[in-house]
Amino acid sequence: MSVAGNWNIRIATPIGDQKGVATIVPDGAGRFTGTISGDVGSMDIAGEAQGDHLTWTMKIAKPMPLDLECEADAQGDALTGALKAGFLGSFKLSGTRV
């Protein structure tokens, strides 16, 4: 099954779960574009899509400026992965297809 579509995502952080919706649009050539909107705002994203595996980076400003490294694997209608937030460490990322 393709990673394309809308996903309700949750990131388990020390300050509580951060929730949002990710829209993923693979280009068929190993890349994807999309958006993420949620608790800290909305932003465009782009990264690599190798089969059911996604990797991308993001910059956030709230609650503090951070560079985030993200990866996730889709299995059917479930998304699991991790988000690395610099000196804060890694946090579990999960999601379900909308």
N, C-alpha and C. Protein backbone atom coordinates (compact mmCIF):
# COMPACT_ATOMS: atom_id res chain seq x y z
N MET A 1 0.85 -1.17 0.00
CA MET A 1 0.00 0.00 0.00
C MET A 1 0.90 1.24 0.00
N SER A 2 0.50 2.24 -0.68
CA SER A 2 1.26 3.48 -0.80
C SER A 2 1.23 4.31 0.49
N VAL A 3 2.27 5.10 0.68
CA VAL A 3 2.30 6.03 1.82
C VAL A 3 1.49 7.29 1.53
N ALA A 4 1.01 7.43 0.31
CA ALA A 4 0.26 8.62 -0.08
C ALA A 4 -1.02 8.76 0.73
N GLY A 5 -1.36 10.00 1.02
CA GLY A 5 -2.63 10.27 1.69
C GLY A 5 -2.48 11.16 2.89
N ASN A 6 -3.56 11.19 3.67
CA ASN A 6 -3.61 11.99 4.89
C ASN A 6 -3.47 11.07 6.09
N TRP A 7 -2.68 11.52 7.07
CA TRP A 7 -2.39 10.74 8.26
C TRP A 7 -2.61 11.59 9.51
N ASN A 8 -3.38 11.08 10.47
CA ASN A 8 -3.43 11.68 11.80
C ASN A 8 -2.17 11.21 12.50
N ILE A 9 -1.32 12.15 12.94
CA ILE A 9 -0.07 11.76 13.57
C ILE A 9 -0.03 12.24 15.02
N ARG A 10 0.79 11.53 15.80
CA ARG A 10 0.99 11.86 17.21
C ARG A 10 2.47 11.66 17.51
N ILE A 11 3.06 12.65 18.17
CA ILE A 11 4.45 12.56 18.59
C ILE A 11 4.44 12.66 20.11
N ALA A 12 4.97 11.63 20.77
CA ALA A 12 5.01 11.57 22.23
C ALA A 12 6.23 12.36 22.72
N THR A 13 6.02 13.53 23.33
CA THR A 13 7.11 14.38 23.80
C THR A 13 7.03 14.54 25.31
N PRO A 14 8.09 15.02 25.94
CA PRO A 14 8.06 15.22 27.39
C PRO A 14 7.02 16.26 27.84
N ILE A 15 6.61 17.16 26.95
CA ILE A 15 5.60 18.16 27.31
C ILE A 15 4.20 17.73 26.90
N GLY A 16 4.05 16.46 26.53
CA GLY A 16 2.76 15.94 26.13
C GLY A 16 2.72 15.59 24.66
N ASP A 17 1.68 14.87 24.27
CA ASP A 17 1.52 14.46 22.87
C ASP A 17 1.28 15.68 21.99
N GLN A 18 1.99 15.72 20.88
CA GLN A 18 1.78 16.74 19.86
C GLN A 18 1.04 16.05 18.72
N LYS A 19 -0.10 16.59 18.33
CA LYS A 19 -0.93 15.96 17.31
C LYS A 19 -1.04 16.83 16.08
N GLY A 20 -1.25 16.20 14.94
CA GLY A 20 -1.41 16.93 13.70
C GLY A 20 -1.88 16.03 12.58
N VAL A 21 -1.96 16.61 11.41
CA VAL A 21 -2.33 15.88 10.20
C VAL A 21 -1.23 16.08 9.18
N ALA A 22 -0.74 14.97 8.63
CA ALA A 22 0.28 15.02 7.58
C ALA A 22 -0.36 14.59 6.27
N THR A 23 -0.08 15.33 5.22
CA THR A 23 -0.49 14.96 3.87
C THR A 23 0.77 14.61 3.10
N ILE A 24 0.83 13.40 2.57
CA ILE A 24 2.01 12.88 1.88
C ILE A 24 1.67 12.64 0.40
N VAL A 25 2.50 13.21 -0.49
CA VAL A 25 2.29 13.05 -1.94
C VAL A 25 3.60 12.57 -2.56
N PRO A 26 3.77 11.23 -2.74
CA PRO A 26 4.98 10.72 -3.38
C PRO A 26 5.03 11.12 -4.85
N ASP A 27 6.26 11.33 -5.38
CA ASP A 27 6.39 11.70 -6.79
C ASP A 27 6.71 10.52 -7.69
N GLY A 28 6.86 9.32 -7.11
CA GLY A 28 7.16 8.14 -7.92
C GLY A 28 8.63 7.98 -8.26
N ALA A 29 9.45 8.95 -7.87
CA ALA A 29 10.88 8.90 -8.16
C ALA A 29 11.72 8.92 -6.88
N GLY A 30 11.14 8.42 -5.78
CA GLY A 30 11.87 8.34 -4.54
C GLY A 30 11.79 9.56 -3.65
N ARG A 31 10.94 10.52 -3.97
CA ARG A 31 10.78 11.74 -3.16
C ARG A 31 9.30 11.92 -2.84
N PHE A 32 9.01 12.80 -1.89
CA PHE A 32 7.63 13.18 -1.62
C PHE A 32 7.57 14.64 -1.20
N THR A 33 6.40 15.22 -1.34
CA THR A 33 6.09 16.55 -0.82
C THR A 33 4.83 16.42 0.02
N GLY A 34 4.50 17.48 0.74
CA GLY A 34 3.29 17.45 1.53
C GLY A 34 3.24 18.58 2.51
N THR A 35 2.36 18.43 3.49
CA THR A 35 2.20 19.42 4.55
C THR A 35 1.99 18.71 5.88
N ILE A 36 2.32 19.41 6.94
CA ILE A 36 1.97 18.97 8.29
C ILE A 36 1.33 20.17 8.97
N SER A 37 0.17 19.94 9.58
CA SER A 37 -0.47 21.00 10.35
C SER A 37 -0.89 20.42 11.69
N GLY A 38 -0.75 21.23 12.72
CA GLY A 38 -1.11 20.76 14.05
C GLY A 38 -0.88 21.79 15.11
N ASP A 39 -0.50 21.30 16.29
CA ASP A 39 -0.36 22.13 17.48
C ASP A 39 0.60 23.30 17.32
N VAL A 40 1.66 23.13 16.54
CA VAL A 40 2.67 24.19 16.40
C VAL A 40 2.54 24.95 15.09
N GLY A 41 1.46 24.78 14.37
CA GLY A 41 1.25 25.50 13.12
C GLY A 41 1.22 24.56 11.92
N SER A 42 1.45 25.13 10.76
CA SER A 42 1.41 24.37 9.51
C SER A 42 2.67 24.67 8.71
N MET A 43 3.19 23.63 8.02
CA MET A 43 4.37 23.84 7.20
C MET A 43 4.41 22.83 6.06
N ASP A 44 5.09 23.24 4.99
CA ASP A 44 5.36 22.33 3.89
C ASP A 44 6.50 21.41 4.28
N ILE A 45 6.43 20.16 3.80
CA ILE A 45 7.51 19.21 4.03
C ILE A 45 7.89 18.56 2.71
N ALA A 46 9.10 18.04 2.65
CA ALA A 46 9.59 17.29 1.49
C ALA A 46 10.68 16.36 1.98
N GLY A 47 10.78 15.21 1.35
CA GLY A 47 11.80 14.25 1.77
C GLY A 47 11.88 13.08 0.83
N GLU A 48 12.45 11.98 1.34
CA GLU A 48 12.61 10.77 0.55
C GLU A 48 11.51 9.77 0.88
N ALA A 49 11.04 9.07 -0.15
CA ALA A 49 10.04 8.02 0.00
C ALA A 49 10.56 6.79 -0.71
N GLN A 50 11.09 5.85 0.06
CA GLN A 50 11.60 4.59 -0.49
C GLN A 50 10.63 3.48 -0.10
N GLY A 51 9.75 3.12 -1.02
CA GLY A 51 8.72 2.14 -0.69
C GLY A 51 7.81 2.71 0.37
N ASP A 52 7.73 2.01 1.50
CA ASP A 52 6.88 2.44 2.61
C ASP A 52 7.66 3.19 3.68
N HIS A 53 8.90 3.59 3.39
CA HIS A 53 9.75 4.28 4.36
C HIS A 53 9.93 5.74 3.95
N LEU A 54 9.65 6.65 4.89
CA LEU A 54 9.76 8.09 4.67
C LEU A 54 10.85 8.67 5.55
N THR A 55 11.63 9.62 5.02
CA THR A 55 12.56 10.41 5.83
C THR A 55 12.44 11.86 5.39
N TRP A 56 12.49 12.78 6.38
CA TRP A 56 12.43 14.20 6.07
C TRP A 56 12.96 15.01 7.26
N THR A 57 13.23 16.27 7.01
CA THR A 57 13.64 17.18 8.08
C THR A 57 12.68 18.36 8.11
N MET A 58 12.56 18.96 9.30
CA MET A 58 11.70 20.13 9.48
C MET A 58 12.38 21.07 10.46
N LYS A 59 12.00 22.34 10.38
CA LYS A 59 12.42 23.33 11.35
C LYS A 59 11.16 23.87 12.02
N ILE A 60 11.19 23.90 13.36
CA ILE A 60 10.06 24.48 14.08
C ILE A 60 10.54 25.67 14.90
N ALA A 61 9.62 26.56 15.23
CA ALA A 61 9.94 27.73 16.04
C ALA A 61 9.29 27.66 17.42
N LYS A 62 8.24 26.84 17.57
CA LYS A 62 7.52 26.72 18.84
C LYS A 62 7.58 25.29 19.32
N PRO A 63 7.74 24.98 20.56
CA PRO A 63 7.88 25.92 21.66
C PRO A 63 9.27 26.56 21.72
N MET A 64 10.22 26.06 20.92
CA MET A 64 11.55 26.66 20.80
C MET A 64 12.08 26.29 19.42
N PRO A 65 13.01 27.07 18.88
CA PRO A 65 13.57 26.74 17.56
C PRO A 65 14.33 25.41 17.61
N LEU A 66 13.96 24.49 16.73
CA LEU A 66 14.61 23.19 16.66
C LEU A 66 14.63 22.69 15.23
N ASP A 67 15.71 21.97 14.88
CA ASP A 67 15.76 21.21 13.64
C ASP A 67 15.35 19.78 13.97
N LEU A 68 14.39 19.25 13.24
CA LEU A 68 13.87 17.91 13.50
C LEU A 68 14.24 16.97 12.37
N GLU A 69 14.68 15.77 12.71
CA GLU A 69 14.94 14.70 11.74
C GLU A 69 13.88 13.64 11.96
N CYS A 70 13.14 13.32 10.90
CA CYS A 70 12.00 12.42 11.03
C CYS A 70 12.13 11.21 10.11
N GLU A 71 11.62 10.09 10.58
CA GLU A 71 11.50 8.91 9.73
C GLU A 71 10.30 8.10 10.18
N ALA A 72 9.66 7.46 9.22
CA ALA A 72 8.46 6.68 9.53
C ALA A 72 8.28 5.59 8.49
N ASP A 73 7.65 4.51 8.93
CA ASP A 73 7.30 3.39 8.05
C ASP A 73 5.80 3.20 8.07
N ALA A 74 5.23 3.02 6.89
CA ALA A 74 3.80 2.76 6.76
C ALA A 74 3.59 1.26 6.58
N GLN A 75 2.65 0.72 7.34
CA GLN A 75 2.21 -0.66 7.17
C GLN A 75 0.70 -0.64 7.17
N GLY A 76 0.13 -0.76 5.96
CA GLY A 76 -1.31 -0.65 5.84
C GLY A 76 -1.75 0.75 6.21
N ASP A 77 -2.63 0.85 7.21
CA ASP A 77 -3.14 2.15 7.64
C ASP A 77 -2.46 2.66 8.91
N ALA A 78 -1.30 2.10 9.26
CA ALA A 78 -0.56 2.52 10.46
C ALA A 78 0.80 3.10 10.06
N LEU A 79 1.21 4.12 10.78
CA LEU A 79 2.49 4.77 10.55
C LEU A 79 3.25 4.73 11.88
N THR A 80 4.51 4.27 11.86
CA THR A 80 5.33 4.25 13.07
C THR A 80 6.70 4.78 12.73
N GLY A 81 7.31 5.47 13.68
CA GLY A 81 8.63 6.00 13.43
C GLY A 81 9.14 6.80 14.60
N ALA A 82 10.06 7.71 14.30
CA ALA A 82 10.69 8.51 15.33
C ALA A 82 11.00 9.90 14.80
N LEU A 83 11.08 10.82 15.73
CA LEU A 83 11.43 12.20 15.44
C LEU A 83 12.60 12.56 16.36
N LYS A 84 13.72 12.95 15.78
CA LYS A 84 14.89 13.34 16.58
C LYS A 84 14.90 14.86 16.67
N ALA A 85 14.90 15.36 17.92
CA ALA A 85 14.79 16.80 18.18
C ALA A 85 16.08 17.32 18.81
N GLY A 86 17.18 17.21 18.09
CA GLY A 86 18.45 17.74 18.56
C GLY A 86 18.83 17.26 19.94
N PHE A 87 19.21 18.19 20.82
CA PHE A 87 19.66 17.86 22.17
C PHE A 87 18.56 17.28 23.05
N LEU A 88 17.29 17.39 22.63
CA LEU A 88 16.18 16.85 23.40
C LEU A 88 16.01 15.34 23.24
N GLY A 89 16.66 14.76 22.22
CA GLY A 89 16.57 13.32 22.01
C GLY A 89 15.53 12.94 20.97
N SER A 90 15.17 11.66 20.98
CA SER A 90 14.21 11.11 20.02
C SER A 90 12.88 10.82 20.68
N PHE A 91 11.81 10.99 19.89
CA PHE A 91 10.47 10.75 20.39
C PHE A 91 9.72 9.86 19.41
N LYS A 92 8.82 9.04 19.95
CA LYS A 92 8.03 8.13 19.16
C LYS A 92 7.01 8.90 18.31
N LEU A 93 6.93 8.54 17.04
CA LEU A 93 5.95 9.10 16.11
C LEU A 93 5.03 7.96 15.69
N SER A 94 3.73 8.19 15.73
CA SER A 94 2.78 7.18 15.27
C SER A 94 1.66 7.88 14.51
N GLY A 95 0.95 7.11 13.73
CA GLY A 95 -0.14 7.70 12.97
C GLY A 95 -1.09 6.67 12.40
N THR A 96 -2.25 7.16 12.00
CA THR A 96 -3.24 6.32 11.32
C THR A 96 -3.74 7.07 10.09
N ARG A 97 -3.98 6.29 9.05
CA ARG A 97 -4.47 6.88 7.79
C ARG A 97 -5.88 7.41 8.01
N VAL A 98 -6.14 8.60 7.47
CA VAL A 98 -7.46 9.20 7.58
C VAL A 98 -8.36 8.62 6.51
